[in-house]
């Protein structure tokens, strides 16, 4: 009986990690494939007149452990941008959480 309870508990934990927020989730306007995803999508549009500078920031995940800062403000800082023209994102995901990378790309002045 203890073995059955332990197996059920372990299966529950695995299911939570495979379906929860431990992996990069789908992006608005984008698609997500459980085996492989490599997409680009638009995120936002700002008021800058041009897109002379580019800044990027990224977060990565390897087997359920995610790190990084893929915020717009980090990408602006990395590119020396003060006014946003537009923001894109790039998503790479292999086997739904085995390896994933989310990159924010900010264009502006």
N, C-alpha and C. Protein backbone atom coordinates (compact mmCIF):
# COMPACT_ATOMS: atom_id res chain seq x y z
N UNK A 1 0.82 -1.19 0.00
CA UNK A 1 0.00 0.00 0.00
C UNK A 1 0.87 1.26 0.00
N UNK A 2 1.97 1.24 0.80
CA UNK A 2 2.86 2.40 0.84
C UNK A 2 3.49 2.66 -0.52
N UNK A 3 3.83 1.59 -1.22
CA UNK A 3 4.44 1.72 -2.54
C UNK A 3 3.45 2.37 -3.52
N UNK A 4 2.18 1.99 -3.44
CA UNK A 4 1.16 2.56 -4.32
C UNK A 4 0.96 4.05 -4.03
N UNK A 5 0.93 4.43 -2.76
CA UNK A 5 0.77 5.83 -2.38
C UNK A 5 1.98 6.65 -2.84
N UNK A 6 3.17 6.10 -2.66
CA UNK A 6 4.39 6.80 -3.08
C UNK A 6 4.42 6.98 -4.60
N UNK A 7 4.04 5.97 -5.33
CA UNK A 7 4.00 6.05 -6.78
C UNK A 7 2.98 7.08 -7.24
N UNK A 8 1.80 7.10 -6.62
CA UNK A 8 0.76 8.08 -6.96
C UNK A 8 1.22 9.50 -6.65
N UNK A 9 1.90 9.69 -5.53
CA UNK A 9 2.41 11.01 -5.16
C UNK A 9 3.46 11.48 -6.15
N UNK A 10 4.36 10.61 -6.53
CA UNK A 10 5.40 10.96 -7.49
C UNK A 10 4.78 11.29 -8.85
N UNK A 11 3.81 10.50 -9.27
CA UNK A 11 3.13 10.77 -10.55
C UNK A 11 2.43 12.13 -10.51
N UNK A 12 1.84 12.47 -9.39
CA UNK A 12 1.17 13.77 -9.25
C UNK A 12 2.16 14.93 -9.36
N UNK A 13 3.31 14.79 -8.74
CA UNK A 13 4.33 15.84 -8.81
C UNK A 13 4.82 16.00 -10.24
N UNK A 14 5.06 14.90 -10.92
CA UNK A 14 5.51 14.96 -12.31
C UNK A 14 4.46 15.64 -13.19
N UNK A 15 3.20 15.32 -13.00
CA UNK A 15 2.13 15.93 -13.78
C UNK A 15 2.06 17.43 -13.53
N UNK A 16 2.19 17.84 -12.29
CA UNK A 16 2.16 19.27 -11.96
C UNK A 16 3.30 20.00 -12.67
N UNK A 17 4.51 19.44 -12.63
CA UNK A 17 5.64 20.10 -13.27
C UNK A 17 5.51 20.10 -14.79
N UNK A 18 4.92 19.10 -15.36
CA UNK A 18 4.79 19.04 -16.81
C UNK A 18 3.69 19.95 -17.34
N UNK A 19 2.72 20.29 -16.51
CA UNK A 19 1.60 21.11 -16.98
C UNK A 19 1.54 22.47 -16.34
N UNK A 20 2.36 22.73 -15.34
CA UNK A 20 2.30 24.00 -14.62
C UNK A 20 3.15 25.06 -15.27
N UNK A 21 3.53 26.05 -14.48
CA UNK A 21 4.29 27.18 -15.00
C UNK A 21 5.79 26.94 -14.94
N UNK A 22 6.21 25.71 -14.79
CA UNK A 22 7.64 25.42 -14.75
C UNK A 22 8.26 25.54 -16.13
N UNK A 23 7.46 25.51 -17.18
CA UNK A 23 7.96 25.65 -18.54
C UNK A 23 7.47 26.96 -19.14
N UNK A 24 8.09 27.37 -20.21
CA UNK A 24 7.65 28.57 -20.90
C UNK A 24 6.26 28.32 -21.45
N UNK A 25 5.33 29.18 -21.12
CA UNK A 25 3.96 29.01 -21.56
C UNK A 25 3.73 29.58 -22.94
N UNK A 26 2.57 29.32 -23.50
CA UNK A 26 2.27 29.85 -24.82
C UNK A 26 2.23 31.37 -24.80
N UNK A 27 2.61 31.97 -25.89
CA UNK A 27 2.61 33.42 -25.99
C UNK A 27 1.37 33.88 -26.73
N UNK A 28 0.92 35.04 -26.41
CA UNK A 28 -0.28 35.56 -27.06
C UNK A 28 0.00 35.75 -28.54
N UNK A 29 -0.84 35.20 -29.36
CA UNK A 29 -0.67 35.31 -30.80
C UNK A 29 0.30 34.29 -31.37
N UNK A 30 0.90 33.48 -30.53
CA UNK A 30 1.85 32.48 -30.99
C UNK A 30 1.30 31.08 -30.82
N UNK A 31 2.08 30.11 -31.20
CA UNK A 31 1.68 28.71 -31.06
C UNK A 31 2.74 27.98 -30.25
N UNK A 32 2.35 26.87 -29.66
CA UNK A 32 3.26 26.10 -28.82
C UNK A 32 3.12 24.63 -29.19
N UNK A 33 4.21 24.02 -29.63
CA UNK A 33 4.20 22.60 -29.94
C UNK A 33 4.85 21.82 -28.81
N UNK A 34 4.25 20.75 -28.34
CA UNK A 34 4.81 20.01 -27.21
C UNK A 34 6.13 19.32 -27.53
N UNK A 35 6.44 19.03 -28.79
CA UNK A 35 7.69 18.38 -29.14
C UNK A 35 8.78 19.38 -29.48
N UNK A 36 8.43 20.39 -30.27
CA UNK A 36 9.41 21.40 -30.67
C UNK A 36 8.69 22.68 -31.05
N UNK A 37 9.21 23.80 -30.58
CA UNK A 37 8.67 25.11 -30.93
C UNK A 37 9.82 26.05 -31.23
N UNK A 38 9.72 26.77 -32.33
CA UNK A 38 10.64 27.86 -32.63
C UNK A 38 9.83 28.93 -33.34
N UNK A 39 9.41 29.95 -32.59
CA UNK A 39 8.54 30.98 -33.14
C UNK A 39 9.06 32.37 -32.80
N UNK A 40 8.61 33.34 -33.61
CA UNK A 40 8.83 34.76 -33.36
C UNK A 40 7.46 35.40 -33.31
N UNK A 41 7.28 36.38 -32.43
CA UNK A 41 5.98 37.04 -32.32
C UNK A 41 6.17 38.49 -31.89
N UNK A 42 5.20 39.31 -32.22
CA UNK A 42 5.20 40.70 -31.80
C UNK A 42 4.64 40.80 -30.39
N UNK A 43 5.19 41.71 -29.59
CA UNK A 43 4.74 41.88 -28.22
C UNK A 43 4.10 43.23 -28.02
N UNK A 44 4.78 44.31 -28.45
CA UNK A 44 4.28 45.65 -28.18
C UNK A 44 4.82 46.65 -29.20
N UNK A 45 4.16 47.79 -29.27
CA UNK A 45 4.60 48.89 -30.12
C UNK A 45 4.68 50.14 -29.26
N UNK A 46 5.77 50.89 -29.42
CA UNK A 46 5.95 52.12 -28.65
C UNK A 46 5.79 53.35 -29.51
N UNK A 47 6.31 54.48 -29.02
CA UNK A 47 6.11 55.76 -29.70
C UNK A 47 7.37 56.30 -30.37
N UNK A 48 8.50 55.59 -30.27
CA UNK A 48 9.74 56.09 -30.87
C UNK A 48 9.61 56.18 -32.38
N UNK A 49 10.28 57.17 -32.97
CA UNK A 49 10.20 57.38 -34.41
C UNK A 49 11.03 56.41 -35.21
N UNK A 50 12.06 55.82 -34.63
CA UNK A 50 12.94 54.92 -35.36
C UNK A 50 13.39 53.76 -34.50
N UNK A 51 14.09 52.83 -35.15
CA UNK A 51 14.57 51.64 -34.45
C UNK A 51 16.06 51.48 -34.70
N UNK A 52 16.83 52.50 -34.30
CA UNK A 52 18.27 52.48 -34.56
C UNK A 52 19.02 51.51 -33.66
N UNK A 53 18.52 51.28 -32.47
CA UNK A 53 19.20 50.42 -31.49
C UNK A 53 18.39 49.15 -31.26
N UNK A 54 19.10 48.09 -30.88
CA UNK A 54 18.45 46.81 -30.56
C UNK A 54 19.03 46.30 -29.24
N UNK A 55 18.15 45.86 -28.35
CA UNK A 55 18.58 45.25 -27.10
C UNK A 55 17.84 43.94 -26.88
N UNK A 56 18.53 42.96 -26.30
CA UNK A 56 17.90 41.67 -26.05
C UNK A 56 18.08 41.26 -24.59
N UNK A 57 17.17 40.43 -24.14
CA UNK A 57 17.27 39.80 -22.82
C UNK A 57 16.65 38.41 -22.95
N UNK A 58 17.09 37.48 -22.11
CA UNK A 58 16.55 36.12 -22.27
C UNK A 58 16.49 35.35 -20.96
N UNK A 59 15.60 34.40 -20.95
CA UNK A 59 15.46 33.43 -19.87
C UNK A 59 15.60 32.04 -20.48
N UNK A 60 16.19 31.13 -19.73
CA UNK A 60 16.34 29.76 -20.21
C UNK A 60 15.84 28.77 -19.16
N UNK A 61 15.49 27.61 -19.64
CA UNK A 61 15.04 26.53 -18.76
C UNK A 61 15.69 25.24 -19.22
N UNK A 62 16.20 24.49 -18.27
CA UNK A 62 16.74 23.17 -18.56
C UNK A 62 16.15 22.21 -17.54
N UNK A 63 15.40 21.25 -18.01
CA UNK A 63 14.76 20.21 -17.21
C UNK A 63 14.05 20.79 -15.98
N UNK A 64 13.17 21.75 -16.23
CA UNK A 64 12.32 22.27 -15.16
C UNK A 64 12.94 23.34 -14.29
N UNK A 65 14.19 23.75 -14.53
CA UNK A 65 14.81 24.81 -13.76
C UNK A 65 15.02 26.00 -14.67
N UNK A 66 14.33 27.11 -14.37
CA UNK A 66 14.37 28.30 -15.22
C UNK A 66 15.13 29.43 -14.53
N UNK A 67 15.94 30.13 -15.32
CA UNK A 67 16.68 31.29 -14.82
C UNK A 67 16.73 32.35 -15.90
N UNK A 68 17.06 33.57 -15.49
CA UNK A 68 17.25 34.64 -16.44
C UNK A 68 16.28 35.78 -16.24
N UNK A 69 16.47 36.82 -17.03
CA UNK A 69 15.64 38.01 -16.98
C UNK A 69 15.31 38.38 -18.42
N UNK A 70 14.13 38.05 -18.87
CA UNK A 70 13.73 38.36 -20.24
C UNK A 70 12.76 39.54 -20.27
N UNK A 71 12.90 40.45 -19.32
CA UNK A 71 12.00 41.60 -19.25
C UNK A 71 12.35 42.63 -20.32
N UNK A 72 11.37 43.46 -20.64
CA UNK A 72 11.58 44.54 -21.60
C UNK A 72 12.58 45.54 -21.04
N UNK A 73 12.49 45.84 -19.75
CA UNK A 73 13.41 46.82 -19.16
C UNK A 73 14.85 46.33 -19.22
N UNK A 74 15.10 45.04 -19.04
CA UNK A 74 16.46 44.49 -19.14
C UNK A 74 16.97 44.59 -20.58
N UNK A 75 16.10 44.29 -21.55
CA UNK A 75 16.50 44.41 -22.96
C UNK A 75 16.80 45.86 -23.32
N UNK A 76 15.99 46.79 -22.79
CA UNK A 76 16.24 48.21 -23.04
C UNK A 76 17.60 48.61 -22.46
N UNK A 77 17.88 48.18 -21.27
CA UNK A 77 19.15 48.48 -20.61
C UNK A 77 20.33 47.90 -21.40
N UNK A 78 20.20 46.66 -21.85
CA UNK A 78 21.26 46.00 -22.61
C UNK A 78 21.53 46.69 -23.95
N UNK A 79 20.51 47.32 -24.53
CA UNK A 79 20.68 47.98 -25.82
C UNK A 79 20.85 49.48 -25.72
N UNK A 80 20.83 50.03 -24.50
CA UNK A 80 20.94 51.48 -24.34
C UNK A 80 19.76 52.22 -24.93
N UNK A 81 18.58 51.65 -24.81
CA UNK A 81 17.36 52.20 -25.41
C UNK A 81 16.57 52.98 -24.37
N UNK A 82 16.11 54.17 -24.74
CA UNK A 82 15.28 54.98 -23.83
C UNK A 82 13.86 55.13 -24.34
N UNK A 83 13.65 55.00 -25.65
CA UNK A 83 12.31 55.07 -26.24
C UNK A 83 12.09 53.84 -27.13
N UNK A 84 10.99 53.15 -26.91
CA UNK A 84 10.69 51.90 -27.62
C UNK A 84 9.98 52.18 -28.94
N UNK A 85 10.48 51.54 -30.00
CA UNK A 85 9.77 51.54 -31.29
C UNK A 85 8.85 50.33 -31.35
N UNK A 86 9.40 49.14 -31.13
CA UNK A 86 8.57 47.94 -31.02
C UNK A 86 9.34 46.83 -30.29
N UNK A 87 8.59 45.84 -29.83
CA UNK A 87 9.16 44.72 -29.07
C UNK A 87 8.71 43.41 -29.70
N UNK A 88 9.64 42.51 -29.91
CA UNK A 88 9.35 41.17 -30.41
C UNK A 88 9.83 40.15 -29.38
N UNK A 89 9.39 38.91 -29.54
CA UNK A 89 9.90 37.83 -28.70
C UNK A 89 10.19 36.63 -29.57
N UNK A 90 11.13 35.84 -29.11
CA UNK A 90 11.50 34.59 -29.78
C UNK A 90 11.39 33.47 -28.76
N UNK A 91 10.76 32.39 -29.16
CA UNK A 91 10.57 31.24 -28.26
C UNK A 91 11.17 30.00 -28.90
N UNK A 92 12.00 29.31 -28.14
CA UNK A 92 12.54 28.02 -28.54
C UNK A 92 12.22 27.05 -27.42
N UNK A 93 11.60 25.93 -27.76
CA UNK A 93 11.21 24.95 -26.75
C UNK A 93 11.39 23.55 -27.33
N UNK A 94 12.12 22.70 -26.61
CA UNK A 94 12.36 21.34 -27.04
C UNK A 94 11.77 20.38 -26.01
N UNK A 95 10.91 19.51 -26.45
CA UNK A 95 10.28 18.49 -25.61
C UNK A 95 9.65 19.09 -24.36
N UNK A 96 8.91 20.16 -24.52
CA UNK A 96 8.09 20.82 -23.51
C UNK A 96 8.75 20.87 -22.14
N UNK A 97 9.85 21.58 -22.05
CA UNK A 97 10.49 21.79 -20.77
C UNK A 97 11.82 21.13 -20.57
N UNK A 98 12.25 20.29 -21.51
CA UNK A 98 13.60 19.74 -21.39
C UNK A 98 14.61 20.86 -21.63
N UNK A 99 14.37 21.66 -22.67
CA UNK A 99 15.17 22.86 -22.91
C UNK A 99 14.25 23.92 -23.50
N UNK A 100 14.33 25.14 -22.97
CA UNK A 100 13.53 26.23 -23.49
C UNK A 100 14.29 27.54 -23.36
N UNK A 101 14.05 28.45 -24.30
CA UNK A 101 14.66 29.78 -24.24
C UNK A 101 13.63 30.80 -24.72
N UNK A 102 13.47 31.87 -23.94
CA UNK A 102 12.57 32.97 -24.29
C UNK A 102 13.42 34.22 -24.40
N UNK A 103 13.42 34.85 -25.58
CA UNK A 103 14.22 36.05 -25.82
C UNK A 103 13.30 37.22 -26.13
N UNK A 104 13.51 38.33 -25.44
CA UNK A 104 12.81 39.58 -25.71
C UNK A 104 13.75 40.47 -26.51
N UNK A 105 13.25 40.99 -27.63
CA UNK A 105 14.04 41.87 -28.49
C UNK A 105 13.34 43.22 -28.56
N UNK A 106 14.04 44.28 -28.11
CA UNK A 106 13.48 45.62 -28.09
C UNK A 106 14.22 46.47 -29.13
N UNK A 107 13.45 47.16 -29.97
CA UNK A 107 13.99 48.07 -30.96
C UNK A 107 13.61 49.49 -30.56
N UNK A 108 14.51 50.43 -30.72
CA UNK A 108 14.16 51.80 -30.36
C UNK A 108 15.31 52.76 -30.50
N UNK A 109 15.17 53.85 -29.78
CA UNK A 109 16.17 54.94 -29.82
C UNK A 109 16.90 55.03 -28.50
